Amino acid sequence: MTLNNGTTTSHGPTAGAARKPGYAGTLAATCCAVFVAQVANALPASLLGLFQADLNTHGSQLTWITAAFMIAVVCFEFTFGVLGDLFGRKKLITVGAALVAVGSTVAAVAPNVQVLWVGATLNGLGAGALFPGSLTMLASVTRNARERAHAVALWSGFLSAGAAVSPFLGGAFAKIGSWRGSFWVLVVIAAVSVVITLVLTSESRSPEGRKLDIPGQITFAIGLILVLYAAVEGPESGWTTLPVILSFGVGLCFLVGFVVVELGAKSPIFDLTLFRNRAFTVASVVAVVGMLAFLGACFATAMWLGPVQHQDPLRVAVPFLLLQGPAFVLIPIVSRLLHRVAPTWLLTSGFVLMAVGCLLCTRLDVTDPALTALVGPALLIGVGFALCVSSVTAVALDSVPPQLAGMASATTNMLRDLGFALGPVVVTAVALSNAATEFTSKLNDADLPADHLGAARGIAAEGGPIAVNSLPPGAPGSAAHDLALDALGSGFSNAFLICGIAAALAAVLTAVGMFGVRPHRSPAQSPAEPSTTEQGGAPEPVAK
């Protein structure tokens, strides 16, 4: 097993060694830290409808709440991992939890959606520090591979629990008071994490051979942010508008520059030479496409129940228990399966289940608020994700020699997080573009009073059909509500279809692209063994 300082651990010789000092405290602190990070990640899902109502937001503005968080994680998690190695993981976790506390405070008092974006970005930066920092600190106090596997399984359980609990936290506070209360709770939990880390842990670092890749970090962050900005704003602003075209063009130029920089970097944040390996390239593409399908389906579900159907936040939280819960409940089962079944087949099976669940979602009726029709699809997607999330890193590690396992794991984890970031962006682009086209077409043929027709056109031009769908009865333009609802239903059905196609494509790529590949890992090495990565990426069982 490759640790983040590049050394390799053995499996058996230290089995009887005394437990390292501070193990229990470090385990408690790191589990609390990753729980905080994941609650910050998943909390907004059940609150999108309330954000729309309270802050007068429209489609792309809602997308940025989730996208701002994930972009911050993707852009900076490698660099945070290096910073932890250089200056100390205890400091990194403390700063990360403090950033979440500050970001959640900003979100709790946000007077408008723009301030909420700032809070989400700060939360993403904090989580980007907590994910790699907590994992590498935990690995540093374990005495052998078996103990490390058990510790990381518990760490992963708290991570998955945060994803499952946070929508209920948001829904409960929205029910008894305001959505802002849930962010204040997150402030308290983050503050508790800071205290636990300071009191119960000792500093750990491994600076040998670690260097910051500042040119790579800058070019990657700017390029990714600009490209995703264009993808988010395109559906509402227009794909041919100057800001969108410039963002795409300049962003792509920066990403090309990033590739050039990394090819010549002495300590790259992204080792592009790994992609000379066909099997690793396939695994990397699958990580992006498959995780795009999962978080895209999650975001589409949140939008469907919240801003589209305007359901109660607690009801919105129910499907997320099925989407995120299996990744926690099935941890011991998936861990055992990874010892007995080739991870390629587990990964393929998981993507197939996700594809079926997404395709079943295309048959949902937007006028039916019942949750029963979502139970089966959500459970299929959740179980499929549980099978995939551990297997995707195992497949990547199988494809490279052992000495490259750390970098391969880090790269795969970052690409998986990139898929998570792309999911809401792609869903929004597909759903809102289709909805806008259909709504405009039907509105032109609709027999509506002239005042409502003109108002609906004006409101749709500013905020799309999702804004018309939110008009109160009797307001100018509200007569077009049913047209807007039908258009949104059609748009998000197309988004679920895209997620299903993405999951199916990931399944085919895995089965076909990995066919005939011989694993580099020896048969005695555990495929479920968690890897703390050279670049500080999160480990395989991450449910986001």
Protein backbone atom coordinates (compact mmCIF):
# COMPACT_ATOMS: atom_id res chain seq x y z
CA MET A 1 0.00 0.00 0.00
CA THR A 2 1.48 3.36 -1.01
CA LEU A 3 1.31 6.14 1.52
CA ASN A 4 1.36 9.77 0.70
CA ASN A 5 5.08 10.06 1.40
CA GLY A 6 5.74 7.49 -1.30
CA THR A 7 6.74 4.62 1.01
CA THR A 8 5.17 1.20 0.94
CA THR A 9 3.64 -0.63 3.88
CA SER A 10 3.67 -4.35 4.45
CA HIS A 11 0.72 -6.51 5.35
CA GLY A 12 1.82 -8.80 8.11
CA PRO A 13 5.09 -8.03 9.91
CA THR A 14 3.67 -5.32 12.13
CA ALA A 15 0.47 -7.12 12.98
CA GLY A 16 1.45 -7.43 16.62
CA ALA A 17 2.85 -3.95 16.99
CA ALA A 18 1.56 -1.69 19.71
CA ARG A 19 -1.05 0.80 18.61
CA LYS A 20 0.50 4.17 17.93
CA PRO A 21 -0.10 6.93 20.49
CA GLY A 22 -3.03 9.15 19.65
CA TYR A 23 -4.78 6.58 17.45
CA ALA A 24 -8.21 6.87 19.13
CA GLY A 25 -8.11 10.66 19.22
CA THR A 26 -6.95 10.91 15.62
CA LEU A 27 -9.66 8.48 14.53
CA ALA A 28 -12.32 10.58 16.29
CA ALA A 29 -10.96 13.85 14.89
CA THR A 30 -10.63 12.65 11.30
CA CYS A 31 -14.08 11.04 11.27
CA CYS A 32 -15.58 14.25 12.62
CA ALA A 33 -13.68 16.29 10.02
CA VAL A 34 -14.87 14.27 7.04
CA PHE A 35 -18.43 14.27 8.41
CA VAL A 36 -18.30 18.08 8.49
CA ALA A 37 -16.96 18.22 4.93
CA GLN A 38 -19.66 15.94 3.59
CA VAL A 39 -22.52 17.69 5.40
CA ALA A 40 -21.31 20.95 3.86
CA ASN A 41 -21.28 19.24 0.47
CA ALA A 42 -24.75 17.68 0.57
CA LEU A 43 -26.71 20.16 2.70
CA PRO A 44 -27.97 22.45 -0.10
CA ALA A 45 -29.63 19.55 -1.99
CA SER A 46 -32.86 19.63 0.00
CA LEU A 47 -32.95 23.44 0.14
CA LEU A 48 -32.90 24.41 -3.54
CA GLY A 49 -36.63 25.14 -3.58
CA LEU A 50 -36.31 27.37 -0.52
CA PHE A 51 -33.31 29.18 -1.97
CA GLN A 52 -35.41 29.90 -5.04
CA ALA A 53 -38.35 31.20 -3.01
CA ASP A 54 -36.40 33.23 -0.44
CA LEU A 55 -33.60 34.58 -2.64
CA ASN A 56 -35.50 34.84 -5.95
CA THR A 57 -33.04 32.64 -7.80
CA HIS A 58 -33.34 31.03 -11.23
CA GLY A 59 -31.87 27.88 -12.75
CA SER A 60 -28.21 28.68 -13.33
CA GLN A 61 -27.98 30.55 -10.02
CA LEU A 62 -29.13 27.40 -8.20
CA THR A 63 -26.57 25.35 -10.10
CA TRP A 64 -23.76 27.62 -8.95
CA ILE A 65 -24.52 26.82 -5.30
CA THR A 66 -23.50 23.21 -5.89
CA ALA A 67 -20.94 23.92 -8.62
CA ALA A 68 -19.07 26.52 -6.54
CA PHE A 69 -18.49 23.92 -3.82
CA MET A 70 -17.34 21.14 -6.12
CA ILE A 71 -15.15 23.38 -8.28
CA ALA A 72 -13.27 24.52 -5.17
CA VAL A 73 -12.73 20.89 -4.15
CA VAL A 74 -11.57 19.77 -7.60
CA CYS A 75 -9.31 22.74 -8.24
CA PHE A 76 -7.42 22.70 -4.96
CA GLU A 77 -7.54 19.24 -3.35
CA PHE A 78 -4.17 18.24 -4.85
CA THR A 79 -2.52 21.40 -3.61
CA PHE A 80 -4.08 21.05 -0.17
CA GLY A 81 -2.66 17.53 0.02
CA VAL A 82 0.83 18.88 -0.68
CA LEU A 83 0.37 21.69 1.85
CA GLY A 84 -0.58 19.13 4.49
CA ASP A 85 2.54 17.12 3.77
CA LEU A 86 4.75 20.22 3.88
CA PHE A 87 3.31 22.09 6.87
CA GLY A 88 1.27 19.51 8.79
CA ARG A 89 -2.06 17.73 8.43
CA LYS A 90 -3.27 18.90 11.84
CA LYS A 91 -2.94 22.49 10.67
CA LEU A 92 -4.63 21.61 7.38
CA ILE A 93 -7.64 19.98 9.09
CA THR A 94 -7.97 22.84 11.56
CA VAL A 95 -7.89 25.43 8.78
CA GLY A 96 -10.30 23.37 6.66
CA ALA A 97 -12.87 23.05 9.44
CA ALA A 98 -12.49 26.76 10.23
CA LEU A 99 -13.14 27.59 6.57
CA VAL A 100 -16.32 25.51 6.68
CA ALA A 101 -17.40 27.38 9.80
CA VAL A 102 -16.78 30.73 8.07
CA GLY A 103 -18.44 29.61 4.83
CA SER A 104 -21.50 28.29 6.65
CA THR A 105 -21.77 31.56 8.58
CA VAL A 106 -21.70 33.47 5.30
CA ALA A 107 -24.40 31.15 3.90
CA ALA A 108 -26.54 31.49 7.02
CA VAL A 109 -26.67 35.29 6.77
CA ALA A 110 -26.69 35.51 2.96
CA PRO A 111 -29.07 38.26 1.79
CA ASN A 112 -28.88 37.08 -1.83
CA VAL A 113 -27.70 34.16 -3.88
CA GLN A 114 -24.39 35.80 -4.78
CA VAL A 115 -23.37 35.81 -1.10
CA LEU A 116 -24.56 32.22 -0.85
CA TRP A 117 -22.12 31.36 -3.65
CA VAL A 118 -19.31 32.85 -1.58
CA GLY A 119 -20.34 30.68 1.36
CA ALA A 120 -20.46 27.59 -0.87
CA THR A 121 -17.00 28.36 -2.27
CA LEU A 122 -15.52 28.75 1.22
CA ASN A 123 -17.17 25.50 2.25
CA GLY A 124 -15.67 23.82 -0.83
CA LEU A 125 -12.20 25.12 0.01
CA GLY A 126 -12.61 23.83 3.56
CA ALA A 127 -13.80 20.43 2.36
CA GLY A 128 -10.96 20.32 -0.17
CA ALA A 129 -8.57 20.57 2.78
CA LEU A 130 -10.48 18.19 5.05
CA PHE A 131 -10.79 15.27 2.61
CA PRO A 132 -7.05 14.66 1.97
CA GLY A 133 -5.83 16.03 5.31
CA SER A 134 -8.02 13.81 7.45
CA LEU A 135 -7.26 10.68 5.44
CA THR A 136 -3.48 11.06 5.41
CA MET A 137 -3.42 11.92 9.12
CA LEU A 138 -5.46 8.81 9.89
CA ALA A 139 -3.12 6.63 7.83
CA SER A 140 -0.11 8.04 9.64
CA VAL A 141 -1.21 6.67 13.05
CA THR A 142 -2.23 3.17 11.97
CA ARG A 143 0.21 0.35 12.61
CA ASN A 144 -0.46 -2.00 9.70
CA ALA A 145 -2.51 -2.45 6.55
CA ARG A 146 -5.37 -4.31 8.25
CA GLU A 147 -5.80 -1.67 10.95
CA ARG A 148 -5.55 1.01 8.31
CA ALA A 149 -8.29 -0.63 6.25
CA HIS A 150 -10.59 -0.80 9.28
CA ALA A 151 -9.87 2.82 10.22
CA VAL A 152 -10.54 4.09 6.71
CA ALA A 153 -13.74 2.03 6.55
CA LEU A 154 -14.97 3.91 9.63
CA TRP A 155 -13.77 7.19 8.11
CA SER A 156 -15.72 6.34 4.96
CA GLY A 157 -18.77 5.47 7.03
CA PHE A 158 -18.81 8.93 8.59
CA LEU A 159 -18.37 10.46 5.15
CA SER A 160 -21.32 8.51 3.76
CA ALA A 161 -23.37 9.24 6.88
CA GLY A 162 -22.82 12.97 6.34
CA ALA A 163 -24.20 12.67 2.82
CA ALA A 164 -27.28 10.79 4.03
CA VAL A 165 -27.99 12.92 7.11
CA SER A 166 -27.49 16.43 5.72
CA PRO A 167 -30.69 16.63 3.60
CA PHE A 168 -32.73 15.73 6.69
CA LEU A 169 -30.85 18.33 8.70
CA GLY A 170 -31.73 20.97 6.10
CA GLY A 171 -35.32 19.79 5.81
CA ALA A 172 -35.89 19.69 9.57
CA PHE A 173 -34.68 23.24 10.12
CA ALA A 174 -36.61 24.50 7.13
CA LYS A 175 -39.71 22.91 8.68
CA ILE A 176 -39.33 24.33 12.18
CA GLY A 177 -37.80 27.68 11.32
CA SER A 178 -35.60 28.64 8.43
CA TRP A 179 -33.09 26.95 6.15
CA ARG A 180 -30.52 29.30 7.64
CA GLY A 181 -30.67 27.35 10.91
CA SER A 182 -29.14 24.27 9.25
CA PHE A 183 -26.08 26.29 8.30
CA TRP A 184 -25.75 27.52 11.89
CA VAL A 185 -25.74 23.89 13.03
CA LEU A 186 -22.96 23.24 10.53
CA VAL A 187 -21.02 26.16 12.03
CA VAL A 188 -21.27 24.51 15.46
CA ILE A 189 -20.23 21.07 14.13
CA ALA A 190 -17.27 22.61 12.30
CA ALA A 191 -16.21 24.46 15.46
CA VAL A 192 -16.40 21.18 17.40
CA SER A 193 -14.19 19.60 14.72
CA VAL A 194 -11.59 22.34 15.21
CA VAL A 195 -11.54 21.78 18.97
CA ILE A 196 -11.33 17.98 18.69
CA THR A 197 -8.49 18.23 16.18
CA LEU A 198 -6.52 20.67 18.33
CA VAL A 199 -7.00 18.65 21.54
CA LEU A 200 -6.85 15.03 20.42
CA THR A 201 -4.32 14.92 17.58
CA SER A 202 -0.61 15.38 17.12
CA GLU A 203 1.00 17.00 14.11
CA SER A 204 2.07 14.78 11.22
CA ARG A 205 3.84 15.70 8.00
CA SER A 206 6.01 14.14 5.31
CA PRO A 207 7.71 16.96 3.37
CA GLU A 208 10.34 14.81 1.68
CA GLY A 209 10.17 15.31 -2.07
CA ARG A 210 6.99 17.41 -1.88
CA LYS A 211 6.79 20.68 -3.82
CA LEU A 212 3.99 23.01 -4.85
CA ASP A 213 3.18 23.17 -8.56
CA ILE A 214 2.00 26.77 -8.67
CA PRO A 215 1.87 27.19 -12.50
CA GLY A 216 -0.09 23.96 -12.83
CA GLN A 217 -2.48 24.97 -10.05
CA ILE A 218 -3.15 28.40 -11.57
CA THR A 219 -3.68 27.22 -15.15
CA PHE A 220 -5.89 24.30 -14.07
CA ALA A 221 -8.08 26.39 -11.75
CA ILE A 222 -8.62 29.25 -14.21
CA GLY A 223 -9.27 26.93 -17.15
CA LEU A 224 -11.75 24.73 -15.30
CA ILE A 225 -13.64 27.65 -13.76
CA LEU A 226 -14.02 29.44 -17.11
CA VAL A 227 -15.18 26.34 -19.00
CA LEU A 228 -17.71 25.44 -16.29
CA TYR A 229 -18.90 29.06 -16.15
CA ALA A 230 -19.71 28.91 -19.85
CA ALA A 231 -21.46 25.55 -19.45
CA VAL A 232 -23.62 26.82 -16.57
CA GLU A 233 -24.54 30.16 -18.13
CA GLY A 234 -25.01 28.94 -21.70
CA PRO A 235 -28.59 27.61 -21.31
CA GLU A 236 -29.97 30.93 -20.01
CA SER A 237 -27.62 33.54 -21.47
CA GLY A 238 -27.39 31.84 -24.87
CA TRP A 239 -24.59 29.64 -26.18
CA THR A 240 -23.59 32.24 -28.78
CA THR A 241 -23.36 35.22 -26.42
CA LEU A 242 -19.94 36.84 -26.17
CA PRO A 243 -19.25 36.06 -22.46
CA VAL A 244 -20.06 32.37 -22.97
CA ILE A 245 -17.94 32.06 -26.13
CA LEU A 246 -15.02 33.93 -24.54
CA SER A 247 -15.21 31.82 -21.39
CA PHE A 248 -15.12 28.60 -23.40
CA GLY A 249 -12.27 29.82 -25.58
CA VAL A 250 -10.07 31.31 -22.88
CA GLY A 251 -10.81 28.42 -20.53
CA LEU A 252 -9.76 25.85 -23.11
CA CYS A 253 -6.57 27.80 -23.76
CA PHE A 254 -5.71 27.70 -20.06
CA LEU A 255 -6.40 23.96 -19.93
CA VAL A 256 -4.10 23.42 -22.90
CA GLY A 257 -1.54 25.53 -21.05
CA PHE A 258 -2.04 23.32 -18.01
CA VAL A 259 -1.19 20.22 -20.07
CA VAL A 260 1.98 21.90 -21.37
CA VAL A 261 2.99 22.99 -17.86
CA GLU A 262 2.41 19.54 -16.37
CA LEU A 263 4.44 17.78 -19.06
CA GLY A 264 7.47 19.81 -18.03
CA ALA A 265 6.86 20.05 -14.29
CA LYS A 266 9.29 18.38 -11.85
CA SER A 267 6.51 17.82 -9.30
CA PRO A 268 3.24 17.86 -11.28
CA ILE A 269 -0.12 17.96 -9.55
CA PHE A 270 -1.45 15.79 -12.38
CA ASP A 271 0.87 13.13 -13.81
CA LEU A 272 -0.11 13.00 -17.47
CA THR A 273 2.35 10.20 -18.23
CA LEU A 274 -0.08 7.81 -16.56
CA PHE A 275 -2.36 8.20 -19.57
CA ARG A 276 0.12 6.35 -21.74
CA ASN A 277 -1.38 3.30 -20.07
CA ARG A 278 -4.54 2.31 -22.00
CA ALA A 279 -6.19 0.63 -19.03
CA PHE A 280 -5.59 3.61 -16.75
CA THR A 281 -6.96 5.97 -19.41
CA VAL A 282 -10.14 3.91 -19.65
CA ALA A 283 -10.48 3.85 -15.86
CA SER A 284 -10.01 7.63 -15.73
CA VAL A 285 -12.64 8.32 -18.39
CA VAL A 286 -15.01 5.98 -16.60
CA ALA A 287 -14.42 7.82 -13.31
CA VAL A 288 -15.46 11.14 -14.88
CA VAL A 289 -18.40 9.86 -16.92
CA GLY A 290 -19.79 7.54 -14.26
CA MET A 291 -19.64 10.03 -11.42
CA LEU A 292 -21.13 12.69 -13.69
CA ALA A 293 -24.09 10.33 -14.09
CA PHE A 294 -24.46 9.84 -10.33
CA LEU A 295 -24.27 13.41 -9.09
CA GLY A 296 -26.17 14.58 -12.17
CA ALA A 297 -29.01 12.25 -11.18
CA CYS A 298 -28.84 13.49 -7.58
CA PHE A 299 -28.98 17.12 -8.67
CA ALA A 300 -31.80 16.45 -11.14
CA THR A 301 -33.76 14.78 -8.33
CA ALA A 302 -33.21 17.76 -6.04
CA MET A 303 -34.33 20.18 -8.76
CA TRP A 304 -37.32 18.00 -9.72
CA LEU A 305 -38.67 17.86 -6.17
CA GLY A 306 -37.62 21.35 -5.07
CA PRO A 307 -37.75 24.24 -7.58
CA VAL A 308 -39.95 22.30 -10.06
CA GLN A 309 -42.54 20.58 -7.84
CA HIS A 310 -42.02 22.84 -4.79
CA GLN A 311 -42.16 19.93 -2.36
CA ASP A 312 -41.52 20.15 1.37
CA PRO A 313 -37.76 19.95 2.15
CA LEU A 314 -38.24 16.91 4.39
CA ARG A 315 -39.91 15.09 1.50
CA VAL A 316 -37.04 16.12 -0.75
CA ALA A 317 -34.66 14.49 1.73
CA VAL A 318 -36.31 11.05 1.51
CA PRO A 319 -34.98 10.03 -1.93
CA PHE A 320 -31.50 11.13 -0.86
CA LEU A 321 -31.54 8.52 1.87
CA LEU A 322 -31.92 5.96 -0.92
CA LEU A 323 -29.38 7.66 -3.19
CA GLN A 324 -26.65 8.14 -0.58
CA GLY A 325 -27.52 5.62 2.15
CA PRO A 326 -26.43 2.40 0.36
CA ALA A 327 -22.85 3.70 0.10
CA PHE A 328 -22.79 3.62 3.92
CA VAL A 329 -24.88 0.51 4.58
CA LEU A 330 -23.09 -1.63 2.01
CA ILE A 331 -19.51 -0.74 2.96
CA PRO A 332 -18.78 -4.15 4.59
CA ILE A 333 -20.46 -6.06 1.75
CA VAL A 334 -18.65 -4.17 -1.01
CA SER A 335 -15.35 -4.53 0.88
CA ARG A 336 -15.78 -8.31 0.96
CA LEU A 337 -16.85 -8.42 -2.67
CA LEU A 338 -13.69 -6.59 -3.69
CA HIS A 339 -11.71 -9.47 -2.17
CA ARG A 340 -13.63 -12.07 -4.15
CA VAL A 341 -14.82 -10.46 -7.39
CA ALA A 342 -12.78 -8.61 -9.98
CA PRO A 343 -13.39 -4.88 -9.39
CA THR A 344 -13.97 -4.45 -13.15
CA TRP A 345 -17.13 -6.54 -12.91
CA LEU A 346 -18.33 -4.78 -9.76
CA LEU A 347 -17.79 -1.45 -11.49
CA THR A 348 -19.63 -2.58 -14.62
CA SER A 349 -22.54 -3.94 -12.57
CA GLY A 350 -22.78 -0.73 -10.56
CA PHE A 351 -22.94 1.42 -13.67
CA VAL A 352 -25.61 -0.84 -15.16
CA LEU A 353 -27.77 -0.43 -12.05
CA MET A 354 -27.26 3.35 -12.17
CA ALA A 355 -28.21 3.43 -15.86
CA VAL A 356 -31.42 1.49 -15.24
CA GLY A 357 -32.36 3.76 -12.31
CA CYS A 358 -31.74 6.92 -14.34
CA LEU A 359 -33.72 5.63 -17.30
CA LEU A 360 -36.65 4.75 -15.01
CA CYS A 361 -36.60 8.37 -13.80
CA THR A 362 -37.40 9.50 -17.34
CA ARG A 363 -40.88 8.02 -16.82
CA LEU A 364 -41.68 10.20 -13.79
CA ASP A 365 -44.77 12.42 -14.04
CA VAL A 366 -43.95 16.00 -13.14
CA THR A 367 -47.56 16.63 -12.07
CA ASP A 368 -47.47 13.74 -9.57
CA PRO A 369 -45.96 14.78 -6.20
CA ALA A 370 -45.97 11.22 -4.77
CA LEU A 371 -42.56 9.83 -3.88
CA THR A 372 -43.40 6.19 -4.48
CA ALA A 373 -42.38 6.33 -8.15
CA LEU A 374 -38.91 7.52 -7.08
CA VAL A 375 -38.21 4.74 -4.59
CA GLY A 376 -37.16 2.06 -7.09
CA PRO A 377 -35.03 4.28 -9.35
CA ALA A 378 -33.34 6.02 -6.41
CA LEU A 379 -32.50 2.71 -4.76
CA LEU A 380 -31.03 1.31 -7.99
CA ILE A 381 -28.88 4.41 -8.44
CA GLY A 382 -27.79 4.30 -4.79
CA VAL A 383 -26.84 0.61 -4.84
CA GLY A 384 -25.09 1.08 -8.17
CA PHE A 385 -23.10 3.97 -6.77
CA ALA A 386 -22.16 1.92 -3.69
CA LEU A 387 -20.68 -0.73 -5.99
CA CYS A 388 -18.88 1.84 -8.16
CA VAL A 389 -17.38 4.26 -5.69
CA SER A 390 -14.86 1.80 -4.22
CA SER A 391 -14.36 -0.17 -7.41
CA VAL A 392 -13.36 2.74 -9.62
CA THR A 393 -10.13 3.34 -7.71
CA ALA A 394 -9.44 -0.39 -7.42
CA VAL A 395 -9.72 -0.71 -11.20
CA ALA A 396 -7.34 2.21 -11.70
CA LEU A 397 -4.82 0.75 -9.26
CA ASP A 398 -5.03 -2.62 -11.00
CA SER A 399 -3.94 -0.98 -14.24
CA VAL A 400 -0.60 0.48 -13.07
CA PRO A 401 2.57 -0.89 -11.47
CA PRO A 402 2.67 -0.76 -7.64
CA GLN A 403 5.19 2.09 -7.54
CA LEU A 404 2.66 4.34 -9.35
CA ALA A 405 -0.30 3.38 -7.15
CA GLY A 406 -0.23 6.57 -5.07
CA MET A 407 -0.26 8.94 -8.02
CA ALA A 408 -2.80 6.76 -9.87
CA SER A 409 -5.16 6.81 -6.89
CA ALA A 410 -4.79 10.59 -6.49
CA THR A 411 -5.42 11.20 -10.18
CA THR A 412 -8.45 8.91 -10.28
CA ASN A 413 -9.92 10.53 -7.18
CA MET A 414 -9.50 14.00 -8.67
CA LEU A 415 -11.12 12.88 -11.92
CA ARG A 416 -13.96 11.33 -9.97
CA ASP A 417 -14.49 14.64 -8.19
CA LEU A 418 -14.38 16.36 -11.59
CA GLY A 419 -17.24 14.08 -12.62
CA PHE A 420 -19.10 15.14 -9.49
CA ALA A 421 -18.56 18.80 -10.42
CA LEU A 422 -19.70 18.26 -14.01
CA GLY A 423 -22.89 16.42 -13.05
CA PRO A 424 -24.97 19.44 -11.93
CA VAL A 425 -23.55 21.55 -14.76
CA VAL A 426 -24.50 19.06 -17.48
CA VAL A 427 -27.92 18.41 -15.95
CA THR A 428 -28.68 22.11 -15.80
CA ALA A 429 -27.49 22.73 -19.35
CA VAL A 430 -29.59 19.89 -20.77
CA ALA A 431 -32.70 20.42 -18.66
CA LEU A 432 -32.99 24.19 -18.87
CA SER A 433 -32.04 24.40 -22.56
CA ASN A 434 -34.70 21.84 -23.47
CA ALA A 435 -37.25 23.39 -21.13
CA ALA A 436 -36.69 26.89 -22.52
CA THR A 437 -37.07 25.70 -26.12
CA GLU A 438 -40.26 23.76 -25.38
CA PHE A 439 -41.78 26.51 -23.25
CA THR A 440 -41.17 29.17 -25.90
CA SER A 441 -42.70 26.96 -28.57
CA LYS A 442 -45.82 26.17 -26.53
CA LEU A 443 -46.19 29.73 -25.30
CA ASN A 444 -46.37 31.03 -28.85
CA ASP A 445 -49.31 28.72 -29.54
CA ALA A 446 -51.02 29.16 -26.17
CA ASP A 447 -54.39 30.85 -25.82
CA LEU A 448 -53.55 33.08 -22.85
CA PRO A 449 -54.74 36.57 -21.92
CA ALA A 450 -52.52 39.19 -23.51
CA ASP A 451 -51.27 40.57 -20.20
CA HIS A 452 -50.28 37.11 -18.96
CA LEU A 453 -48.70 36.21 -22.28
CA GLY A 454 -46.49 39.29 -22.34
CA ALA A 455 -45.53 38.92 -18.69
CA ALA A 456 -44.68 35.24 -19.12
CA ARG A 457 -42.43 36.03 -22.09
CA GLY A 458 -40.62 38.74 -20.17
CA ILE A 459 -40.13 36.62 -17.04
CA ALA A 460 -38.98 33.62 -19.10
CA ALA A 461 -36.49 35.82 -20.93
CA GLU A 462 -34.97 36.84 -17.59
CA GLY A 463 -35.15 33.62 -15.56
CA GLY A 464 -36.36 30.87 -17.88
CA PRO A 465 -39.44 28.66 -17.41
CA ILE A 466 -38.34 27.86 -13.85
CA ALA A 467 -39.08 31.48 -12.93
CA VAL A 468 -42.54 31.30 -14.53
CA ASN A 469 -43.17 28.03 -12.68
CA SER A 470 -42.58 29.82 -9.37
CA LEU A 471 -45.03 32.68 -9.91
CA PRO A 472 -47.79 32.84 -7.26
CA PRO A 473 -51.38 32.37 -8.47
CA GLY A 474 -52.84 35.56 -9.88
CA ALA A 475 -49.48 37.19 -10.57
CA PRO A 476 -48.90 38.48 -14.12
CA GLY A 477 -47.69 35.54 -16.21
CA SER A 478 -48.95 32.88 -13.77
CA ALA A 479 -51.46 31.64 -16.34
CA ALA A 480 -48.47 30.04 -18.11
CA HIS A 481 -47.57 28.01 -15.02
CA ASP A 482 -48.77 24.68 -16.41
CA LEU A 483 -46.85 25.22 -19.63
CA ALA A 484 -43.70 25.96 -17.65
CA LEU A 485 -44.20 22.92 -15.42
CA ASP A 486 -44.66 20.60 -18.41
CA ALA A 487 -41.59 22.09 -20.11
CA LEU A 488 -39.47 21.61 -16.98
CA GLY A 489 -40.72 18.05 -16.63
CA SER A 490 -39.67 17.34 -20.19
CA GLY A 491 -36.31 19.08 -19.70
CA PHE A 492 -35.38 17.18 -16.56
CA SER A 493 -36.57 13.91 -18.09
CA ASN A 494 -34.02 14.56 -20.82
CA ALA A 495 -31.44 15.27 -18.12
CA PHE A 496 -32.15 11.90 -16.46
CA LEU A 497 -31.84 10.32 -19.91
CA ILE A 498 -28.39 11.87 -20.37
CA CYS A 499 -27.35 10.57 -16.93
CA GLY A 500 -28.60 7.11 -17.88
CA ILE A 501 -26.70 7.20 -21.16
CA ALA A 502 -23.56 8.35 -19.32
CA ALA A 503 -23.83 5.48 -16.82
CA ALA A 504 -24.45 2.97 -19.63
CA LEU A 505 -21.47 4.34 -21.56
CA ALA A 506 -19.32 3.97 -18.43
CA ALA A 507 -20.45 0.35 -18.10
CA VAL A 508 -19.58 -0.43 -21.73
CA LEU A 509 -16.22 1.33 -21.51
CA THR A 510 -15.35 -0.61 -18.37
CA ALA A 511 -16.34 -4.00 -19.74
CA VAL A 512 -14.83 -3.51 -23.20
CA GLY A 513 -11.92 -1.21 -22.43
CA MET A 514 -10.60 -3.33 -19.55
CA PHE A 515 -11.10 -6.64 -21.36
CA GLY A 516 -7.90 -8.67 -21.39
CA VAL A 517 -6.06 -6.31 -19.03
CA ARG A 518 -3.88 -8.16 -16.55
CA PRO A 519 -3.79 -6.53 -13.10
CA HIS A 520 -0.39 -5.34 -11.85
CA ARG A 521 -1.38 -6.00 -8.25
CA SER A 522 -0.29 -9.33 -6.86
CA PRO A 523 -3.08 -11.77 -5.91
CA ALA A 524 -2.13 -11.46 -2.22
CA GLN A 525 -2.67 -7.73 -2.19
CA SER A 526 -6.07 -6.61 -1.06
CA PRO A 527 -8.08 -4.88 -3.77
CA ALA A 528 -10.15 -3.19 -1.11
CA GLU A 529 -7.12 -1.81 0.66
CA PRO A 530 -7.54 1.96 0.89
CA SER A 531 -4.84 4.12 -0.53
CA THR A 532 -3.82 7.47 0.82
CA THR A 533 -2.51 9.17 -2.23
CA GLU A 534 0.74 10.81 -3.15
CA GLN A 535 -1.14 13.96 -4.02
CA GLY A 536 -3.53 13.90 -1.08
CA GLY A 537 -6.69 12.91 -2.95
CA ALA A 538 -9.65 11.38 -1.17
CA PRO A 539 -9.78 7.58 -0.99
CA GLU A 540 -12.04 5.36 -2.96
CA PRO A 541 -15.21 5.18 -0.81
CA VAL A 542 -16.33 8.78 -1.24
CA ALA A 543 -20.07 9.41 -1.49
CA LYS A 544 -20.76 12.96 -2.57
